[in-house]
């Protein structure tokens, strides 16, 4: 399967897109992303491509979220 690279014009657009993707995983696997990531990090899930992708997307989400929180704190 060929991966598609998507570039966003703002971190907020990227965060929204990641949130939508994470929601799809959560519905499909009936587990929230934080719970999944804990299990994944502890080796309690397989290394199927979909789980590797979910873990990567969740890490990207966390990094973007943290960056936006810091930026907003610096504005106030």
PDB file of N, CA and C in Angstrom:
ATOM      1  N   UNK A   1       0.849  -1.185   0.000  1.00  0.00           N
ATOM      2  CA  UNK A   1       0.000   0.000   0.000  1.00  0.00           C
ATOM      3  C   UNK A   1       0.889   1.240   0.000  1.00  0.00           C
ATOM      4  N   UNK A   2       0.609   2.144  -0.886  1.00  0.00           N
ATOM      5  CA  UNK A   2       1.384   3.358  -1.012  1.00  0.00           C
ATOM      6  C   UNK A   2       0.892   4.414  -0.033  1.00  0.00           C
ATOM      7  N   UNK A   3       1.814   5.001   0.710  1.00  0.00           N
ATOM      8  CA  UNK A   3       1.452   6.040   1.674  1.00  0.00           C
ATOM      9  C   UNK A   3       1.388   7.390   0.980  1.00  0.00           C
ATOM     10  N   UNK A   4       0.489   8.200   1.453  1.00  0.00           N
ATOM     11  CA  UNK A   4       0.299   9.527   0.897  1.00  0.00           C
ATOM     12  C   UNK A   4       0.821  10.548   1.902  1.00  0.00           C
ATOM     13  N   UNK A   5       1.563  11.520   1.409  1.00  0.00           N
ATOM     14  CA  UNK A   5       2.061  12.590   2.267  1.00  0.00           C
ATOM     15  C   UNK A   5       1.150  13.798   2.083  1.00  0.00           C
ATOM     16  N   UNK A   6       0.650  14.293   3.206  1.00  0.00           N
ATOM     17  CA  UNK A   6      -0.237  15.450   3.181  1.00  0.00           C
ATOM     18  C   UNK A   6       0.425  16.559   3.985  1.00  0.00           C
ATOM     19  N   UNK A   7       0.499  17.746   3.406  1.00  0.00           N
ATOM     20  CA  UNK A   7       1.057  18.894   4.112  1.00  0.00           C
ATOM     21  C   UNK A   7      -0.078  19.833   4.494  1.00  0.00           C
ATOM     22  N   UNK A   8      -0.025  20.324   5.723  1.00  0.00           N
ATOM     23  CA  UNK A   8      -1.056  21.227   6.224  1.00  0.00           C
ATOM     24  C   UNK A   8      -0.484  22.628   6.354  1.00  0.00           C
ATOM     25  N   UNK A   9      -1.342  23.612   6.219  1.00  0.00           N
ATOM     26  CA  UNK A   9      -0.892  24.998   6.277  1.00  0.00           C
ATOM     27  C   UNK A   9      -0.732  25.501   7.702  1.00  0.00           C
ATOM     28  N   UNK A  10      -1.296  24.782   8.652  1.00  0.00           N
ATOM     29  CA  UNK A  10      -1.162  25.202  10.050  1.00  0.00           C
ATOM     30  C   UNK A  10      -1.141  23.980  10.960  1.00  0.00           C
ATOM     31  N   UNK A  11      -0.542  24.124  12.138  1.00  0.00           N
ATOM     32  CA  UNK A  11      -0.544  23.007  13.080  1.00  0.00           C
ATOM     33  C   UNK A  11      -1.953  22.652  13.552  1.00  0.00           C
ATOM     34  N   UNK A  12      -2.845  23.614  13.551  1.00  0.00           N
ATOM     35  CA  UNK A  12      -4.225  23.336  13.965  1.00  0.00           C
ATOM     36  C   UNK A  12      -4.905  22.427  12.941  1.00  0.00           C
ATOM     37  N   UNK A  13      -4.686  22.693  11.658  1.00  0.00           N
ATOM     38  CA  UNK A  13      -5.247  21.816  10.622  1.00  0.00           C
ATOM     39  C   UNK A  13      -4.703  20.397  10.765  1.00  0.00           C
ATOM     40  N   UNK A  14      -3.416  20.282  11.037  1.00  0.00           N
ATOM     41  CA  UNK A  14      -2.799  18.962  11.217  1.00  0.00           C
ATOM     42  C   UNK A  14      -3.377  18.268  12.444  1.00  0.00           C
ATOM     43  N   UNK A  15      -3.566  19.020  13.525  1.00  0.00           N
ATOM     44  CA  UNK A  15      -4.119  18.445  14.748  1.00  0.00           C
ATOM     45  C   UNK A  15      -5.548  17.947  14.521  1.00  0.00           C
ATOM     46  N   UNK A  16      -6.338  18.707  13.800  1.00  0.00           N
ATOM     47  CA  UNK A  16      -7.715  18.296  13.493  1.00  0.00           C
ATOM     48  C   UNK A  16      -7.709  17.019  12.660  1.00  0.00           C
ATOM     49  N   UNK A  17      -6.856  16.955  11.650  1.00  0.00           N
ATOM     50  CA  UNK A  17      -6.782  15.766  10.797  1.00  0.00           C
ATOM     51  C   UNK A  17      -6.346  14.546  11.603  1.00  0.00           C
ATOM     52  N   UNK A  18      -5.360  14.714  12.473  1.00  0.00           N
ATOM     53  CA  UNK A  18      -4.910  13.603  13.316  1.00  0.00           C
ATOM     54  C   UNK A  18      -6.008  13.161  14.274  1.00  0.00           C
ATOM     55  N   UNK A  19      -6.726  14.112  14.839  1.00  0.00           N
ATOM     56  CA  UNK A  19      -7.816  13.782  15.756  1.00  0.00           C
ATOM     57  C   UNK A  19      -8.878  12.945  15.053  1.00  0.00           C
ATOM     58  N   UNK A  20      -9.206  13.313  13.830  1.00  0.00           N
ATOM     59  CA  UNK A  20     -10.187  12.538  13.061  1.00  0.00           C
ATOM     60  C   UNK A  20      -9.679  11.123  12.796  1.00  0.00           C
ATOM     61  N   UNK A  21      -8.395  10.997  12.438  1.00  0.00           N
ATOM     62  CA  UNK A  21      -7.828   9.678  12.173  1.00  0.00           C
ATOM     63  C   UNK A  21      -7.802   8.833  13.443  1.00  0.00           C
ATOM     64  N   UNK A  22      -7.406   9.429  14.559  1.00  0.00           N
ATOM     65  CA  UNK A  22      -7.381   8.697  15.831  1.00  0.00           C
ATOM     66  C   UNK A  22      -8.784   8.228  16.203  1.00  0.00           C
ATOM     67  N   UNK A  23      -9.774   9.068  15.974  1.00  0.00           N
ATOM     68  CA  UNK A  23     -11.156   8.701  16.273  1.00  0.00           C
ATOM     69  C   UNK A  23     -11.578   7.474  15.464  1.00  0.00           C
ATOM     70  N   UNK A  24     -11.172   7.424  14.207  1.00  0.00           N
ATOM     71  CA  UNK A  24     -11.502   6.262  13.371  1.00  0.00           C
ATOM     72  C   UNK A  24     -10.890   4.984  13.944  1.00  0.00           C
ATOM     73  N   UNK A  25      -9.634   5.049  14.372  1.00  0.00           N
ATOM     74  CA  UNK A  25      -8.997   3.885  15.002  1.00  0.00           C
ATOM     75  C   UNK A  25      -9.756   3.481  16.264  1.00  0.00           C
ATOM     76  N   UNK A  26     -10.102   4.478  17.072  1.00  0.00           N
ATOM     77  CA  UNK A  26     -10.770   4.206  18.348  1.00  0.00           C
ATOM     78  C   UNK A  26     -12.120   3.524  18.145  1.00  0.00           C
ATOM     79  N   UNK A  27     -12.856   3.963  17.155  1.00  0.00           N
ATOM     80  CA  UNK A  27     -14.145   3.333  16.849  1.00  0.00           C
ATOM     81  C   UNK A  27     -13.921   1.908  16.350  1.00  0.00           C
ATOM     82  N   UNK A  28     -12.992   1.749  15.431  1.00  0.00           N
ATOM     83  CA  UNK A  28     -12.738   0.435  14.834  1.00  0.00           C
ATOM     84  C   UNK A  28     -12.285  -0.590  15.872  1.00  0.00           C
ATOM     85  N   UNK A  29     -11.414  -0.175  16.795  1.00  0.00           N
ATOM     86  CA  UNK A  29     -10.837  -1.116  17.761  1.00  0.00           C
ATOM     87  C   UNK A  29     -11.441  -0.996  19.160  1.00  0.00           C
ATOM     88  N   UNK A  30     -12.449  -0.115  19.306  1.00  0.00           N
ATOM     89  CA  UNK A  30     -13.169   0.049  20.577  1.00  0.00           C
ATOM     90  C   UNK A  30     -12.210   0.286  21.751  1.00  0.00           C
ATOM     91  N   UNK A  31     -11.290   1.222  21.536  1.00  0.00           N
ATOM     92  CA  UNK A  31     -10.287   1.538  22.551  1.00  0.00           C
ATOM     93  C   UNK A  31      -9.799   2.963  22.283  1.00  0.00           C
ATOM     94  N   UNK A  32      -9.653   3.766  23.343  1.00  0.00           N
ATOM     95  CA  UNK A  32      -9.150   5.109  23.089  1.00  0.00           C
ATOM     96  C   UNK A  32      -7.644   5.060  22.821  1.00  0.00           C
ATOM     97  N   UNK A  33      -7.149   6.121  22.220  1.00  0.00           N
ATOM     98  CA  UNK A  33      -5.761   6.134  21.763  1.00  0.00           C
ATOM     99  C   UNK A  33      -4.761   6.068  22.910  1.00  0.00           C
ATOM    100  N   UNK A  34      -5.064   6.707  24.027  1.00  0.00           N
ATOM    101  CA  UNK A  34      -4.146   6.662  25.168  1.00  0.00           C
ATOM    102  C   UNK A  34      -4.015   5.234  25.695  1.00  0.00           C
ATOM    103  N   UNK A  35      -5.141   4.542  25.827  1.00  0.00           N
ATOM    104  CA  UNK A  35      -5.123   3.152  26.288  1.00  0.00           C
ATOM    105  C   UNK A  35      -4.375   2.272  25.289  1.00  0.00           C
ATOM    106  N   UNK A  36      -4.665   2.464  23.997  1.00  0.00           N
ATOM    107  CA  UNK A  36      -3.963   1.701  22.968  1.00  0.00           C
ATOM    108  C   UNK A  36      -2.464   1.924  23.066  1.00  0.00           C
ATOM    109  N   UNK A  37      -2.052   3.186  23.176  1.00  0.00           N
ATOM    110  CA  UNK A  37      -0.626   3.500  23.158  1.00  0.00           C
ATOM    111  C   UNK A  37       0.089   2.891  24.356  1.00  0.00           C
ATOM    112  N   UNK A  38      -0.567   2.870  25.503  1.00  0.00           N
ATOM    113  CA  UNK A  38       0.015   2.212  26.675  1.00  0.00           C
ATOM    114  C   UNK A  38       0.233   0.736  26.388  1.00  0.00           C
ATOM    115  N   UNK A  39      -0.775   0.085  25.849  1.00  0.00           N
ATOM    116  CA  UNK A  39      -0.656  -1.343  25.520  1.00  0.00           C
ATOM    117  C   UNK A  39       0.407  -1.571  24.448  1.00  0.00           C
ATOM    118  N   UNK A  40       0.428  -0.730  23.447  1.00  0.00           N
ATOM    119  CA  UNK A  40       1.399  -0.847  22.361  1.00  0.00           C
ATOM    120  C   UNK A  40       2.821  -0.688  22.908  1.00  0.00           C
ATOM    121  N   UNK A  41       3.016   0.313  23.756  1.00  0.00           N
ATOM    122  CA  UNK A  41       4.341   0.581  24.326  1.00  0.00           C
ATOM    123  C   UNK A  41       4.826  -0.553  25.217  1.00  0.00           C
ATOM    124  N   UNK A  42       3.890  -1.265  25.827  1.00  0.00           N
ATOM    125  CA  UNK A  42       4.239  -2.384  26.706  1.00  0.00           C
ATOM    126  C   UNK A  42       4.303  -3.709  25.954  1.00  0.00           C
ATOM    127  N   UNK A  43       4.167  -3.652  24.631  1.00  0.00           N
ATOM    128  CA  UNK A  43       4.259  -4.861  23.819  1.00  0.00           C
ATOM    129  C   UNK A  43       3.035  -5.751  23.885  1.00  0.00           C
ATOM    130  N   UNK A  44       1.898  -5.189  24.279  1.00  0.00           N
ATOM    131  CA  UNK A  44       0.675  -5.973  24.425  1.00  0.00           C
ATOM    132  C   UNK A  44      -0.170  -6.008  23.150  1.00  0.00           C
ATOM    133  N   UNK A  45       0.330  -5.405  22.080  1.00  0.00           N
ATOM    134  CA  UNK A  45      -0.352  -5.469  20.785  1.00  0.00           C
ATOM    135  C   UNK A  45       0.633  -6.030  19.767  1.00  0.00           C
ATOM    136  N   UNK A  46       0.112  -6.402  18.630  1.00  0.00           N
ATOM    137  CA  UNK A  46       0.997  -6.882  17.563  1.00  0.00           C
ATOM    138  C   UNK A  46       1.687  -5.688  16.900  1.00  0.00           C
ATOM    139  N   UNK A  47       2.629  -5.972  16.045  1.00  0.00           N
ATOM    140  CA  UNK A  47       3.312  -4.929  15.285  1.00  0.00           C
ATOM    141  C   UNK A  47       2.741  -4.813  13.878  1.00  0.00           C
ATOM    142  N   UNK A  48       1.443  -5.105  13.755  1.00  0.00           N
ATOM    143  CA  UNK A  48       0.781  -4.942  12.463  1.00  0.00           C
ATOM    144  C   UNK A  48       0.940  -3.495  12.000  1.00  0.00           C
ATOM    145  N   UNK A  49       0.954  -3.312  10.708  1.00  0.00           N
ATOM    146  CA  UNK A  49       1.157  -1.982  10.130  1.00  0.00           C
ATOM    147  C   UNK A  49       0.160  -0.962  10.675  1.00  0.00           C
ATOM    148  N   UNK A  50      -1.083  -1.354  10.845  1.00  0.00           N
ATOM    149  CA  UNK A  50      -2.110  -0.430  11.321  1.00  0.00           C
ATOM    150  C   UNK A  50      -1.806   0.058  12.735  1.00  0.00           C
ATOM    151  N   UNK A  51      -1.267  -0.822  13.582  1.00  0.00           N
ATOM    152  CA  UNK A  51      -0.939  -0.423  14.949  1.00  0.00           C
ATOM    153  C   UNK A  51       0.298   0.473  14.985  1.00  0.00           C
ATOM    154  N   UNK A  52       1.260   0.197  14.129  1.00  0.00           N
ATOM    155  CA  UNK A  52       2.441   1.060  14.036  1.00  0.00           C
ATOM    156  C   UNK A  52       2.012   2.454  13.578  1.00  0.00           C
ATOM    157  N   UNK A  53       1.109   2.495  12.599  1.00  0.00           N
ATOM    158  CA  UNK A  53       0.595   3.771  12.098  1.00  0.00           C
ATOM    159  C   UNK A  53      -0.186   4.513  13.186  1.00  0.00           C
ATOM    160  N   UNK A  54      -1.038   3.789  13.912  1.00  0.00           N
ATOM    161  CA  UNK A  54      -1.824   4.402  14.990  1.00  0.00           C
ATOM    162  C   UNK A  54      -0.890   4.980  16.047  1.00  0.00           C
ATOM    163  N   UNK A  55       0.111   4.222  16.441  1.00  0.00           N
ATOM    164  CA  UNK A  55       1.061   4.696  17.453  1.00  0.00           C
ATOM    165  C   UNK A  55       1.794   5.943  16.964  1.00  0.00           C
ATOM    166  N   UNK A  56       2.222   5.937  15.716  1.00  0.00           N
ATOM    167  CA  UNK A  56       2.910   7.101  15.159  1.00  0.00           C
ATOM    168  C   UNK A  56       2.009   8.317  15.092  1.00  0.00           C
ATOM    169  N   UNK A  57       0.778   8.111  14.673  1.00  0.00           N
ATOM    170  CA  UNK A  57      -0.175   9.220  14.620  1.00  0.00           C
ATOM    171  C   UNK A  57      -0.464   9.770  16.011  1.00  0.00           C
ATOM    172  N   UNK A  58      -0.557   8.892  16.991  1.00  0.00           N
ATOM    173  CA  UNK A  58      -0.819   9.345  18.359  1.00  0.00           C
ATOM    174  C   UNK A  58       0.368  10.145  18.897  1.00  0.00           C
ATOM    175  N   UNK A  59       1.583   9.679  18.631  1.00  0.00           N
ATOM    176  CA  UNK A  59       2.767  10.425  19.069  1.00  0.00           C
ATOM    177  C   UNK A  59       2.822  11.795  18.388  1.00  0.00           C
ATOM    178  N   UNK A  60       2.497  11.834  17.119  1.00  0.00           N
ATOM    179  CA  UNK A  60       2.467  13.099  16.387  1.00  0.00           C
ATOM    180  C   UNK A  60       1.402  14.024  16.976  1.00  0.00           C
ATOM    181  N   UNK A  61       0.228  13.468  17.282  1.00  0.00           N
ATOM    182  CA  UNK A  61      -0.853  14.231  17.915  1.00  0.00           C
ATOM    183  C   UNK A  61      -0.381  14.840  19.240  1.00  0.00           C
ATOM    184  N   UNK A  62       0.256  14.015  20.082  1.00  0.00           N
ATOM    185  CA  UNK A  62       0.725  14.505  21.379  1.00  0.00           C
ATOM    186  C   UNK A  62       1.742  15.629  21.220  1.00  0.00           C
ATOM    187  N   UNK A  63       2.659  15.483  20.274  1.00  0.00           N
ATOM    188  CA  UNK A  63       3.680  16.508  20.052  1.00  0.00           C
ATOM    189  C   UNK A  63       3.053  17.811  19.559  1.00  0.00           C
ATOM    190  N   UNK A  64       2.140  17.717  18.607  1.00  0.00           N
ATOM    191  CA  UNK A  64       1.461  18.917  18.105  1.00  0.00           C
ATOM    192  C   UNK A  64       0.634  19.585  19.200  1.00  0.00           C
ATOM    193  N   UNK A  65      -0.081  18.775  19.957  1.00  0.00           N
ATOM    194  CA  UNK A  65      -0.911  19.305  21.042  1.00  0.00           C
ATOM    195  C   UNK A  65      -0.041  20.050  22.054  1.00  0.00           C
ATOM    196  N   UNK A  66       1.061  19.440  22.451  1.00  0.00           N
ATOM    197  CA  UNK A  66       1.961  20.068  23.427  1.00  0.00           C
ATOM    198  C   UNK A  66       2.532  21.370  22.871  1.00  0.00           C
ATOM    199  N   UNK A  67       2.922  21.369  21.612  1.00  0.00           N
ATOM    200  CA  UNK A  67       3.458  22.573  20.984  1.00  0.00           C
ATOM    201  C   UNK A  67       2.425  23.697  20.989  1.00  0.00           C
ATOM    202  N   UNK A  68       1.184  23.370  20.665  1.00  0.00           N
ATOM    203  CA  UNK A  68       0.132  24.389  20.656  1.00  0.00           C
ATOM    204  C   UNK A  68      -0.171  24.908  22.054  1.00  0.00           C
ATOM    205  N   UNK A  69      -0.156  24.034  23.049  1.00  0.00           N
ATOM    206  CA  UNK A  69      -0.381  24.459  24.436  1.00  0.00           C
ATOM    207  C   UNK A  69       0.704  25.451  24.855  1.00  0.00           C
ATOM    208  N   UNK A  70       1.948  25.142  24.545  1.00  0.00           N
ATOM    209  CA  UNK A  70       3.060  26.031  24.901  1.00  0.00           C
ATOM    210  C   UNK A  70       2.921  27.372  24.190  1.00  0.00           C
ATOM    211  N   UNK A  71       2.591  27.340  22.916  1.00  0.00           N
ATOM    212  CA  UNK A  71       2.415  28.592  22.168  1.00  0.00           C
ATOM    213  C   UNK A  71       1.299  29.439  22.765  1.00  0.00           C
ATOM    214  N   UNK A  72       0.194  28.802  23.134  1.00  0.00           N
ATOM    215  CA  UNK A  72      -0.927  29.545  23.711  1.00  0.00           C
ATOM    216  C   UNK A  72      -0.576  30.120  25.077  1.00  0.00           C
ATOM    217  N   UNK A  73       0.205  29.409  25.861  1.00  0.00           N
ATOM    218  CA  UNK A  73       0.619  29.917  27.170  1.00  0.00           C
ATOM    219  C   UNK A  73       1.521  31.134  27.015  1.00  0.00           C
ATOM    220  N   UNK A  74       2.325  31.141  25.971  1.00  0.00           N
ATOM    221  CA  UNK A  74       3.228  32.268  25.735  1.00  0.00           C
ATOM    222  C   UNK A  74       2.497  33.505  25.236  1.00  0.00           C
ATOM    223  N   UNK A  75       1.313  33.319  24.689  1.00  0.00           N
ATOM    224  CA  UNK A  75       0.521  34.442  24.191  1.00  0.00           C
ATOM    225  C   UNK A  75      -0.186  35.145  25.339  1.00  0.00           C
ATOM    226  N   UNK A  76      -0.645  34.371  26.299  1.00  0.00           N
ATOM    227  CA  UNK A  76      -1.447  34.918  27.400  1.00  0.00           C
ATOM    228  C   UNK A  76      -0.627  35.734  28.364  1.00  0.00           C
TER     229      UNK A  76
END
